[in-house]
N, C-alpha and C. Protein backbone atom coordinates (compact mmCIF):
# COMPACT_ATOMS: atom_id res chain seq x y z
N MET A 1 -0.20 2.43 -38.24
CA MET A 1 -1.25 1.85 -37.43
C MET A 1 -0.91 2.09 -35.95
N PRO A 2 -1.85 2.63 -35.19
CA PRO A 2 -1.61 2.91 -33.77
C PRO A 2 -1.25 1.63 -32.99
N LEU A 3 -0.45 1.81 -31.95
CA LEU A 3 0.01 0.69 -31.13
C LEU A 3 -1.15 -0.09 -30.52
N THR A 4 -2.18 0.63 -30.04
CA THR A 4 -3.30 -0.07 -29.42
C THR A 4 -4.03 -0.96 -30.41
N THR A 5 -4.16 -0.50 -31.65
CA THR A 5 -4.80 -1.30 -32.69
C THR A 5 -3.97 -2.57 -32.95
N MET A 6 -2.66 -2.41 -33.04
CA MET A 6 -1.79 -3.57 -33.26
C MET A 6 -1.86 -4.54 -32.08
N LEU A 7 -1.88 -4.02 -30.86
CA LEU A 7 -1.96 -4.90 -29.69
C LEU A 7 -3.24 -5.73 -29.71
N LEU A 8 -4.35 -5.09 -30.00
CA LEU A 8 -5.62 -5.83 -30.05
C LEU A 8 -5.55 -6.93 -31.11
N ARG A 9 -5.07 -6.60 -32.29
CA ARG A 9 -4.99 -7.59 -33.37
C ARG A 9 -4.01 -8.71 -33.03
N GLN A 10 -2.87 -8.39 -32.41
CA GLN A 10 -1.89 -9.41 -32.04
C GLN A 10 -2.47 -10.41 -31.05
N HIS A 11 -3.43 -9.96 -30.25
CA HIS A 11 -4.05 -10.83 -29.26
C HIS A 11 -5.36 -11.45 -29.76
N GLY A 12 -5.61 -11.32 -31.07
CA GLY A 12 -6.78 -11.95 -31.67
C GLY A 12 -8.09 -11.27 -31.35
N LEU A 13 -8.05 -10.00 -31.00
CA LEU A 13 -9.27 -9.28 -30.65
C LEU A 13 -9.69 -8.33 -31.77
N ALA A 14 -10.99 -8.21 -31.93
CA ALA A 14 -11.51 -7.23 -32.87
C ALA A 14 -11.21 -5.83 -32.34
N VAL A 15 -10.89 -4.94 -33.25
CA VAL A 15 -10.62 -3.55 -32.87
C VAL A 15 -11.95 -2.81 -32.86
N THR A 16 -12.36 -2.41 -31.65
CA THR A 16 -13.62 -1.68 -31.51
C THR A 16 -13.36 -0.35 -30.81
N ALA A 17 -14.26 0.59 -31.03
CA ALA A 17 -14.13 1.90 -30.38
C ALA A 17 -14.15 1.74 -28.86
N GLN A 18 -14.95 0.81 -28.36
CA GLN A 18 -15.05 0.60 -26.92
C GLN A 18 -13.72 0.11 -26.34
N ARG A 19 -13.12 -0.90 -26.99
CA ARG A 19 -11.86 -1.44 -26.48
C ARG A 19 -10.74 -0.42 -26.56
N LEU A 20 -10.69 0.33 -27.66
CA LEU A 20 -9.67 1.37 -27.79
C LEU A 20 -9.84 2.44 -26.71
N ALA A 21 -11.09 2.84 -26.46
CA ALA A 21 -11.35 3.86 -25.44
C ALA A 21 -10.99 3.35 -24.04
N VAL A 22 -11.27 2.08 -23.76
CA VAL A 22 -10.93 1.50 -22.46
C VAL A 22 -9.41 1.45 -22.30
N LEU A 23 -8.70 1.03 -23.34
CA LEU A 23 -7.23 1.00 -23.27
C LEU A 23 -6.66 2.39 -23.03
N ARG A 24 -7.21 3.39 -23.71
CA ARG A 24 -6.73 4.77 -23.51
C ARG A 24 -7.03 5.25 -22.09
N ALA A 25 -8.23 4.95 -21.61
CA ALA A 25 -8.60 5.39 -20.26
C ALA A 25 -7.68 4.79 -19.20
N VAL A 26 -7.37 3.51 -19.34
CA VAL A 26 -6.48 2.86 -18.36
C VAL A 26 -5.06 3.42 -18.51
N SER A 27 -4.64 3.64 -19.74
CA SER A 27 -3.30 4.19 -19.97
C SER A 27 -3.16 5.59 -19.37
N ASP A 28 -4.21 6.40 -19.48
CA ASP A 28 -4.18 7.77 -18.97
C ASP A 28 -4.37 7.84 -17.46
N ARG A 29 -4.98 6.82 -16.87
CA ARG A 29 -5.34 6.84 -15.45
C ARG A 29 -5.02 5.50 -14.80
N ALA A 30 -3.75 5.17 -14.67
CA ALA A 30 -3.37 3.89 -14.08
C ALA A 30 -3.97 3.75 -12.69
N HIS A 31 -4.34 2.54 -12.35
CA HIS A 31 -4.90 2.17 -11.05
C HIS A 31 -6.31 2.71 -10.85
N SER A 32 -7.03 2.94 -11.92
CA SER A 32 -8.42 3.40 -11.82
C SER A 32 -9.36 2.23 -11.59
N THR A 33 -10.49 2.54 -10.97
CA THR A 33 -11.53 1.54 -10.79
C THR A 33 -12.34 1.43 -12.08
N ALA A 34 -13.16 0.39 -12.17
CA ALA A 34 -14.02 0.21 -13.35
C ALA A 34 -14.96 1.40 -13.50
N ASP A 35 -15.46 1.93 -12.39
CA ASP A 35 -16.36 3.09 -12.47
C ASP A 35 -15.62 4.32 -13.00
N ASP A 36 -14.37 4.53 -12.58
CA ASP A 36 -13.57 5.65 -13.10
C ASP A 36 -13.35 5.49 -14.60
N ILE A 37 -13.04 4.27 -15.01
CA ILE A 37 -12.80 4.00 -16.43
C ILE A 37 -14.09 4.19 -17.22
N ASP A 38 -15.20 3.74 -16.67
CA ASP A 38 -16.50 3.91 -17.31
C ASP A 38 -16.79 5.40 -17.57
N ARG A 39 -16.55 6.23 -16.57
CA ARG A 39 -16.78 7.68 -16.74
C ARG A 39 -15.87 8.27 -17.81
N ALA A 40 -14.61 7.86 -17.83
CA ALA A 40 -13.66 8.38 -18.82
C ALA A 40 -14.05 7.94 -20.23
N VAL A 41 -14.47 6.70 -20.37
CA VAL A 41 -14.86 6.19 -21.69
C VAL A 41 -16.11 6.91 -22.18
N ARG A 42 -17.08 7.10 -21.29
CA ARG A 42 -18.30 7.82 -21.67
C ARG A 42 -17.99 9.26 -22.10
N ALA A 43 -17.06 9.89 -21.40
CA ALA A 43 -16.67 11.26 -21.75
C ALA A 43 -16.01 11.29 -23.13
N GLU A 44 -15.31 10.22 -23.48
CA GLU A 44 -14.60 10.19 -24.77
C GLU A 44 -15.50 9.82 -25.93
N ILE A 45 -16.29 8.74 -25.78
CA ILE A 45 -17.04 8.26 -26.95
C ILE A 45 -18.55 8.41 -26.82
N GLY A 46 -19.01 8.89 -25.69
CA GLY A 46 -20.45 9.12 -25.55
C GLY A 46 -21.19 7.88 -25.09
N ALA A 47 -22.18 7.50 -25.85
CA ALA A 47 -23.08 6.41 -25.46
C ALA A 47 -22.37 5.06 -25.46
N ILE A 48 -22.27 4.49 -24.29
CA ILE A 48 -21.74 3.14 -24.10
C ILE A 48 -22.31 2.63 -22.79
N SER A 49 -22.68 1.38 -22.78
CA SER A 49 -23.25 0.83 -21.55
C SER A 49 -22.14 0.50 -20.56
N ARG A 50 -22.48 0.53 -19.31
CA ARG A 50 -21.52 0.16 -18.26
C ARG A 50 -21.08 -1.29 -18.47
N GLN A 51 -22.02 -2.14 -18.89
CA GLN A 51 -21.70 -3.54 -19.12
C GLN A 51 -20.66 -3.69 -20.23
N ALA A 52 -20.73 -2.87 -21.27
CA ALA A 52 -19.75 -2.93 -22.37
C ALA A 52 -18.36 -2.58 -21.85
N VAL A 53 -18.27 -1.62 -20.94
CA VAL A 53 -16.98 -1.26 -20.36
C VAL A 53 -16.45 -2.41 -19.51
N TYR A 54 -17.32 -3.01 -18.67
CA TYR A 54 -16.91 -4.14 -17.86
C TYR A 54 -16.49 -5.32 -18.73
N ASP A 55 -17.22 -5.56 -19.82
CA ASP A 55 -16.86 -6.65 -20.74
C ASP A 55 -15.51 -6.39 -21.38
N ALA A 56 -15.25 -5.16 -21.80
CA ALA A 56 -13.96 -4.81 -22.41
C ALA A 56 -12.84 -5.00 -21.39
N LEU A 57 -13.05 -4.54 -20.16
CA LEU A 57 -12.04 -4.73 -19.12
C LEU A 57 -11.75 -6.21 -18.89
N SER A 58 -12.78 -7.02 -18.88
CA SER A 58 -12.62 -8.45 -18.66
C SER A 58 -11.83 -9.11 -19.80
N VAL A 59 -12.19 -8.81 -21.03
CA VAL A 59 -11.51 -9.40 -22.19
C VAL A 59 -10.06 -8.94 -22.24
N LEU A 60 -9.83 -7.65 -22.04
CA LEU A 60 -8.47 -7.11 -22.10
C LEU A 60 -7.59 -7.66 -20.98
N THR A 61 -8.19 -7.91 -19.82
CA THR A 61 -7.46 -8.53 -18.71
C THR A 61 -7.16 -10.00 -19.02
N ASP A 62 -8.17 -10.71 -19.52
CA ASP A 62 -7.98 -12.13 -19.86
C ASP A 62 -6.90 -12.32 -20.91
N LYS A 63 -6.78 -11.39 -21.84
CA LYS A 63 -5.79 -11.49 -22.92
C LYS A 63 -4.41 -10.96 -22.49
N GLY A 64 -4.30 -10.42 -21.27
CA GLY A 64 -3.02 -9.97 -20.76
C GLY A 64 -2.63 -8.56 -21.18
N LEU A 65 -3.58 -7.79 -21.73
CA LEU A 65 -3.30 -6.41 -22.10
C LEU A 65 -3.44 -5.47 -20.91
N LEU A 66 -4.24 -5.87 -19.94
CA LEU A 66 -4.44 -5.10 -18.71
C LEU A 66 -4.21 -6.02 -17.52
N ARG A 67 -3.91 -5.42 -16.39
CA ARG A 67 -3.77 -6.16 -15.14
C ARG A 67 -4.83 -5.66 -14.18
N ARG A 68 -5.50 -6.60 -13.53
CA ARG A 68 -6.52 -6.29 -12.52
C ARG A 68 -5.88 -6.48 -11.16
N ILE A 69 -5.98 -5.46 -10.31
CA ILE A 69 -5.45 -5.52 -8.96
C ILE A 69 -6.64 -5.44 -8.01
N GLN A 70 -6.70 -6.35 -7.06
CA GLN A 70 -7.83 -6.39 -6.13
C GLN A 70 -7.34 -6.21 -4.70
N PRO A 71 -7.15 -4.94 -4.27
CA PRO A 71 -6.72 -4.73 -2.89
C PRO A 71 -7.84 -5.12 -1.91
N ALA A 72 -7.44 -5.56 -0.74
CA ALA A 72 -8.41 -5.94 0.29
C ALA A 72 -9.35 -4.77 0.60
N ARG A 73 -10.61 -5.07 0.72
CA ARG A 73 -11.65 -4.10 1.09
C ARG A 73 -11.70 -2.89 0.15
N SER A 74 -11.31 -3.09 -1.11
CA SER A 74 -11.32 -2.02 -2.09
C SER A 74 -11.83 -2.54 -3.42
N PRO A 75 -12.35 -1.64 -4.25
CA PRO A 75 -12.75 -2.09 -5.59
C PRO A 75 -11.52 -2.46 -6.42
N ALA A 76 -11.72 -3.32 -7.39
CA ALA A 76 -10.64 -3.70 -8.29
C ALA A 76 -10.15 -2.47 -9.03
N ARG A 77 -8.87 -2.47 -9.34
CA ARG A 77 -8.26 -1.38 -10.11
C ARG A 77 -7.53 -2.00 -11.29
N TYR A 78 -7.32 -1.19 -12.32
CA TYR A 78 -6.73 -1.69 -13.55
C TYR A 78 -5.52 -0.86 -13.95
N GLU A 79 -4.56 -1.54 -14.59
CA GLU A 79 -3.39 -0.85 -15.11
C GLU A 79 -2.94 -1.56 -16.38
N ASN A 80 -2.14 -0.85 -17.19
CA ASN A 80 -1.62 -1.46 -18.40
C ASN A 80 -0.15 -1.85 -18.26
N ARG A 81 0.39 -1.76 -17.08
CA ARG A 81 1.76 -2.22 -16.84
C ARG A 81 1.68 -3.72 -16.55
N VAL A 82 1.92 -4.51 -17.57
CA VAL A 82 1.81 -5.97 -17.45
C VAL A 82 3.12 -6.61 -17.87
N GLY A 83 3.30 -7.85 -17.46
CA GLY A 83 4.45 -8.61 -17.92
C GLY A 83 5.75 -8.30 -17.22
N ASP A 84 5.72 -7.55 -16.14
CA ASP A 84 6.94 -7.30 -15.38
C ASP A 84 6.67 -7.65 -13.92
N ASN A 85 7.69 -7.56 -13.13
CA ASN A 85 7.59 -7.93 -11.73
C ASN A 85 7.53 -6.67 -10.88
N HIS A 86 6.32 -6.21 -10.60
CA HIS A 86 6.18 -5.04 -9.74
C HIS A 86 5.01 -5.23 -8.79
N HIS A 87 5.01 -4.41 -7.75
CA HIS A 87 3.98 -4.49 -6.72
C HIS A 87 3.35 -3.11 -6.57
N HIS A 88 2.58 -2.93 -5.50
CA HIS A 88 1.85 -1.67 -5.32
C HIS A 88 1.90 -1.17 -3.88
N LEU A 89 1.88 0.14 -3.76
CA LEU A 89 1.76 0.84 -2.48
C LEU A 89 0.42 1.54 -2.48
N ILE A 90 -0.34 1.44 -1.40
CA ILE A 90 -1.63 2.11 -1.30
C ILE A 90 -1.65 2.95 -0.03
N CYS A 91 -2.06 4.19 -0.19
CA CYS A 91 -2.19 5.09 0.95
C CYS A 91 -3.49 4.77 1.69
N ARG A 92 -3.38 4.50 2.97
CA ARG A 92 -4.57 4.22 3.79
C ARG A 92 -5.46 5.45 3.96
N THR A 93 -4.89 6.62 3.84
CA THR A 93 -5.65 7.85 4.08
C THR A 93 -6.41 8.29 2.84
N CYS A 94 -5.72 8.44 1.72
CA CYS A 94 -6.38 8.97 0.52
C CYS A 94 -6.68 7.92 -0.54
N GLY A 95 -6.12 6.72 -0.41
CA GLY A 95 -6.40 5.64 -1.34
C GLY A 95 -5.55 5.62 -2.60
N ARG A 96 -4.62 6.55 -2.73
CA ARG A 96 -3.79 6.58 -3.93
C ARG A 96 -2.93 5.32 -4.00
N MET A 97 -2.77 4.79 -5.22
CA MET A 97 -1.96 3.60 -5.45
C MET A 97 -0.84 3.95 -6.42
N VAL A 98 0.38 3.48 -6.11
CA VAL A 98 1.52 3.68 -6.99
C VAL A 98 2.24 2.34 -7.19
N ASP A 99 2.97 2.25 -8.30
CA ASP A 99 3.77 1.07 -8.58
C ASP A 99 5.06 1.10 -7.79
N VAL A 100 5.52 -0.09 -7.39
CA VAL A 100 6.79 -0.26 -6.71
C VAL A 100 7.47 -1.45 -7.35
N ASP A 101 8.68 -1.25 -7.85
CA ASP A 101 9.42 -2.36 -8.43
C ASP A 101 9.80 -3.35 -7.34
N CYS A 102 9.88 -4.61 -7.72
CA CYS A 102 10.28 -5.65 -6.78
C CYS A 102 11.72 -5.42 -6.37
N ALA A 103 12.01 -5.61 -5.09
CA ALA A 103 13.36 -5.38 -4.58
C ALA A 103 14.37 -6.38 -5.16
N ILE A 104 13.92 -7.57 -5.48
CA ILE A 104 14.82 -8.59 -5.99
C ILE A 104 14.90 -8.56 -7.51
N GLY A 105 13.77 -8.34 -8.16
CA GLY A 105 13.77 -8.22 -9.61
C GLY A 105 13.44 -9.48 -10.36
N ILE A 106 13.51 -10.66 -9.75
CA ILE A 106 13.17 -11.88 -10.45
C ILE A 106 11.82 -12.39 -9.96
N THR A 107 11.14 -13.15 -10.79
CA THR A 107 9.82 -13.65 -10.46
C THR A 107 9.92 -15.07 -9.94
N PRO A 108 9.23 -15.47 -8.88
CA PRO A 108 8.61 -14.57 -7.91
C PRO A 108 9.67 -14.00 -6.99
N CYS A 109 9.38 -12.83 -6.44
CA CYS A 109 10.40 -12.18 -5.61
C CYS A 109 10.26 -12.56 -4.14
N LEU A 110 9.33 -13.43 -3.83
CA LEU A 110 9.19 -13.96 -2.47
C LEU A 110 9.27 -15.48 -2.55
N THR A 111 9.77 -16.09 -1.52
CA THR A 111 9.84 -17.54 -1.47
C THR A 111 8.93 -18.02 -0.35
N ALA A 112 8.02 -18.91 -0.68
CA ALA A 112 7.10 -19.46 0.32
C ALA A 112 7.86 -20.40 1.24
N ALA A 113 7.51 -20.40 2.52
CA ALA A 113 8.15 -21.30 3.48
C ALA A 113 7.86 -22.75 3.09
N ASP A 114 6.65 -23.01 2.57
CA ASP A 114 6.27 -24.35 2.11
C ASP A 114 5.45 -24.15 0.85
N ASP A 115 5.95 -24.62 -0.28
CA ASP A 115 5.24 -24.42 -1.53
C ASP A 115 4.13 -25.44 -1.76
N ALA A 116 3.97 -26.40 -0.85
CA ALA A 116 2.90 -27.40 -0.89
C ALA A 116 2.85 -28.11 -2.25
N GLY A 117 3.99 -28.22 -2.91
CA GLY A 117 4.05 -28.90 -4.18
C GLY A 117 3.71 -28.04 -5.39
N TYR A 118 3.38 -26.78 -5.15
CA TYR A 118 3.04 -25.88 -6.25
C TYR A 118 4.31 -25.41 -6.96
N GLU A 119 4.18 -25.13 -8.23
CA GLU A 119 5.24 -24.46 -8.98
C GLU A 119 4.89 -22.98 -8.96
N ILE A 120 5.48 -22.23 -8.06
CA ILE A 120 5.13 -20.82 -7.86
C ILE A 120 5.83 -19.97 -8.91
N ASP A 121 5.03 -19.14 -9.60
CA ASP A 121 5.62 -18.29 -10.64
C ASP A 121 5.34 -16.80 -10.42
N GLU A 122 4.62 -16.47 -9.35
CA GLU A 122 4.31 -15.06 -9.13
C GLU A 122 3.97 -14.84 -7.66
N ALA A 123 4.34 -13.68 -7.15
CA ALA A 123 3.93 -13.26 -5.81
C ALA A 123 3.33 -11.87 -5.95
N GLU A 124 2.12 -11.70 -5.49
CA GLU A 124 1.46 -10.40 -5.58
C GLU A 124 1.52 -9.73 -4.22
N VAL A 125 2.16 -8.57 -4.18
CA VAL A 125 2.37 -7.87 -2.92
C VAL A 125 1.72 -6.50 -2.98
N ILE A 126 1.00 -6.15 -1.94
CA ILE A 126 0.46 -4.80 -1.81
C ILE A 126 0.93 -4.27 -0.46
N TYR A 127 1.66 -3.17 -0.52
CA TYR A 127 2.11 -2.49 0.68
C TYR A 127 1.08 -1.43 1.05
N TRP A 128 0.80 -1.28 2.32
CA TRP A 128 -0.16 -0.28 2.81
C TRP A 128 0.58 0.69 3.73
N GLY A 129 0.21 1.92 3.67
CA GLY A 129 0.81 2.94 4.53
C GLY A 129 0.19 4.28 4.21
N ARG A 130 0.95 5.35 4.41
CA ARG A 130 0.46 6.69 4.07
C ARG A 130 1.44 7.33 3.11
N CYS A 131 0.91 8.00 2.10
CA CYS A 131 1.75 8.65 1.10
C CYS A 131 2.42 9.88 1.71
N PRO A 132 3.46 10.39 1.06
CA PRO A 132 4.18 11.55 1.61
C PRO A 132 3.28 12.76 1.86
N GLU A 133 2.31 12.99 0.97
CA GLU A 133 1.43 14.15 1.14
C GLU A 133 0.52 14.00 2.36
N CYS A 134 0.01 12.78 2.58
CA CYS A 134 -0.85 12.57 3.75
C CYS A 134 -0.04 12.62 5.05
N VAL A 135 1.19 12.13 5.02
CA VAL A 135 2.06 12.23 6.20
C VAL A 135 2.33 13.70 6.49
N ALA A 136 2.64 14.46 5.43
CA ALA A 136 2.92 15.90 5.61
C ALA A 136 1.68 16.62 6.13
N ALA A 137 0.50 16.25 5.64
CA ALA A 137 -0.73 16.91 6.10
C ALA A 137 -0.97 16.63 7.57
N THR A 138 -0.65 15.42 8.02
CA THR A 138 -0.79 15.08 9.44
C THR A 138 0.21 15.87 10.28
N SER A 139 1.45 15.97 9.78
CA SER A 139 2.49 16.70 10.50
C SER A 139 2.16 18.19 10.59
N ALA A 140 1.52 18.71 9.54
CA ALA A 140 1.20 20.13 9.51
C ALA A 140 -0.05 20.46 10.30
N SER A 141 -0.78 19.43 10.73
CA SER A 141 -2.00 19.69 11.50
C SER A 141 -1.63 20.22 12.88
N SER A 142 -2.54 20.26 13.75
CA SER A 142 -2.35 20.90 15.04
C SER A 142 -1.25 20.28 15.90
N GLY A 143 -0.63 19.22 15.41
CA GLY A 143 0.47 18.63 16.17
C GLY A 143 0.00 17.62 17.19
N ASN A 144 -1.29 17.27 17.14
CA ASN A 144 -1.79 16.31 18.13
C ASN A 144 -1.60 14.87 17.68
N GLY A 145 -1.00 14.67 16.50
CA GLY A 145 -0.70 13.32 16.05
C GLY A 145 -1.87 12.60 15.43
N LYS A 146 -3.05 13.22 15.42
CA LYS A 146 -4.20 12.56 14.83
C LYS A 146 -4.19 12.76 13.32
N ARG A 147 -4.74 11.77 12.63
CA ARG A 147 -4.80 11.87 11.18
C ARG A 147 -5.88 12.87 10.78
N THR A 148 -5.59 13.57 9.70
CA THR A 148 -6.58 14.51 9.17
C THR A 148 -7.32 13.85 8.04
N GLY A 149 -8.22 14.57 7.41
CA GLY A 149 -8.97 14.04 6.26
C GLY A 149 -8.05 13.75 5.10
N SER A 150 -8.63 13.19 4.05
CA SER A 150 -7.81 12.81 2.90
C SER A 150 -7.25 14.05 2.19
N VAL A 151 -6.16 13.84 1.50
CA VAL A 151 -5.47 14.91 0.80
C VAL A 151 -5.73 14.74 -0.69
N ARG A 152 -6.01 15.82 -1.39
CA ARG A 152 -6.17 15.74 -2.84
C ARG A 152 -4.79 15.87 -3.47
N HIS A 153 -4.53 15.01 -4.43
CA HIS A 153 -3.24 14.99 -5.10
C HIS A 153 -3.40 15.43 -6.54
N GLU A 154 -2.41 16.12 -7.03
CA GLU A 154 -2.37 16.42 -8.46
C GLU A 154 -1.91 15.15 -9.16
N PRO A 155 -2.56 14.78 -10.28
CA PRO A 155 -2.14 13.57 -10.98
C PRO A 155 -0.65 13.62 -11.31
N GLY A 156 0.02 12.53 -10.99
CA GLY A 156 1.42 12.40 -11.33
C GLY A 156 2.37 13.13 -10.40
N HIS A 157 1.88 13.83 -9.38
CA HIS A 157 2.76 14.58 -8.49
C HIS A 157 2.92 13.82 -7.18
N THR A 158 4.03 13.13 -7.04
CA THR A 158 4.29 12.38 -5.84
C THR A 158 5.77 12.05 -5.74
N ALA A 159 6.24 11.87 -4.56
CA ALA A 159 7.63 11.49 -4.37
C ALA A 159 7.88 10.08 -4.88
N LEU A 160 6.82 9.33 -5.14
CA LEU A 160 6.96 7.96 -5.61
C LEU A 160 6.75 7.84 -7.12
N ASN A 161 6.55 8.94 -7.82
CA ASN A 161 6.31 8.92 -9.26
C ASN A 161 7.65 8.84 -9.99
N PRO A 162 7.90 7.73 -10.74
CA PRO A 162 9.19 7.60 -11.42
C PRO A 162 9.37 8.60 -12.55
N GLU A 163 8.29 9.23 -12.99
CA GLU A 163 8.39 10.23 -14.05
C GLU A 163 8.89 11.57 -13.52
N GLN A 164 8.77 11.78 -12.21
CA GLN A 164 9.13 13.06 -11.60
C GLN A 164 10.62 13.06 -11.24
N PRO A 165 11.42 13.93 -11.86
CA PRO A 165 12.85 13.96 -11.56
C PRO A 165 13.08 14.19 -10.07
N GLY A 166 14.02 13.44 -9.51
CA GLY A 166 14.37 13.62 -8.11
C GLY A 166 13.50 12.84 -7.15
N SER A 167 12.47 12.15 -7.65
CA SER A 167 11.61 11.38 -6.75
C SER A 167 12.33 10.13 -6.29
N ARG A 168 11.85 9.56 -5.20
CA ARG A 168 12.46 8.33 -4.71
C ARG A 168 12.34 7.22 -5.74
N ALA A 169 11.19 7.13 -6.41
CA ALA A 169 11.00 6.10 -7.42
C ALA A 169 11.95 6.30 -8.58
N ASN A 170 12.17 7.55 -8.97
CA ASN A 170 13.10 7.86 -10.06
C ASN A 170 14.51 7.45 -9.67
N ARG A 171 14.91 7.78 -8.45
CA ARG A 171 16.23 7.39 -7.98
C ARG A 171 16.36 5.87 -7.91
N HIS A 172 15.27 5.20 -7.46
CA HIS A 172 15.28 3.74 -7.37
C HIS A 172 15.44 3.12 -8.76
N GLN A 173 14.72 3.65 -9.75
CA GLN A 173 14.83 3.11 -11.10
C GLN A 173 16.24 3.27 -11.64
N LYS A 174 16.85 4.44 -11.41
CA LYS A 174 18.21 4.66 -11.88
C LYS A 174 19.18 3.71 -11.20
N GLU A 175 19.02 3.52 -9.88
CA GLU A 175 19.88 2.62 -9.13
C GLU A 175 19.72 1.18 -9.62
N THR A 176 18.46 0.76 -9.85
CA THR A 176 18.20 -0.58 -10.35
C THR A 176 18.83 -0.78 -11.72
N ALA A 177 18.69 0.21 -12.59
CA ALA A 177 19.28 0.12 -13.94
C ALA A 177 20.81 0.04 -13.84
N ARG A 178 21.39 0.82 -12.93
CA ARG A 178 22.83 0.79 -12.75
C ARG A 178 23.28 -0.59 -12.25
N GLN A 179 22.54 -1.14 -11.30
CA GLN A 179 22.89 -2.46 -10.76
C GLN A 179 22.76 -3.54 -11.83
N LYS A 180 21.73 -3.45 -12.66
CA LYS A 180 21.58 -4.42 -13.75
C LYS A 180 22.75 -4.32 -14.70
N GLY A 181 23.19 -3.10 -14.97
CA GLY A 181 24.35 -2.89 -15.85
C GLY A 181 25.60 -3.51 -15.24
N ASP A 182 25.74 -3.40 -13.92
CA ASP A 182 26.91 -3.96 -13.23
C ASP A 182 26.93 -5.47 -13.35
N ARG A 183 25.75 -6.11 -13.34
CA ARG A 183 25.68 -7.57 -13.41
C ARG A 183 26.00 -8.10 -14.80
N ARG A 184 25.83 -7.29 -15.82
CA ARG A 184 26.06 -7.74 -17.19
C ARG A 184 27.54 -7.82 -17.52
N VAL A 185 28.39 -7.23 -16.72
CA VAL A 185 29.83 -7.18 -17.01
C VAL A 185 30.45 -8.54 -16.78
């Protein structure tokens, strides 16, 4: 039985073609908007209403199978990396979003100056800046220091992609794993 089918059943959800297609679309395209996911699902299974895709996203998010990220002044984005302590980096120029592990590793990784009596269990952080490709595109421009238009990225190709050997994220993951191993001794 496929993992996605088991996940849906474990969370008390009926296994439908729509939900399976939405899970696959989010898995294949982390940090996609609902419209991006809608297009991917339509390409995979054909006739499906936009509302059915939104409903599936809502149910899957409510059940904890997906995470909804709502950056300021941006449409909501979805990912299937749930249940861990990580944050996000967003490029101001091209809009690309990547995962960033929390520097501390425990939840929450920030401490409020005044918790106002709340029992805080999570801190959601979004870092904003420019990705390496957009910085390089600006540097390669005429040298006047002005930002150029957005840069098109190949999926998965970034200095921050932990899947890419030698990337900063890959090195960070290895260092974090090594440090965790050191603490277990």
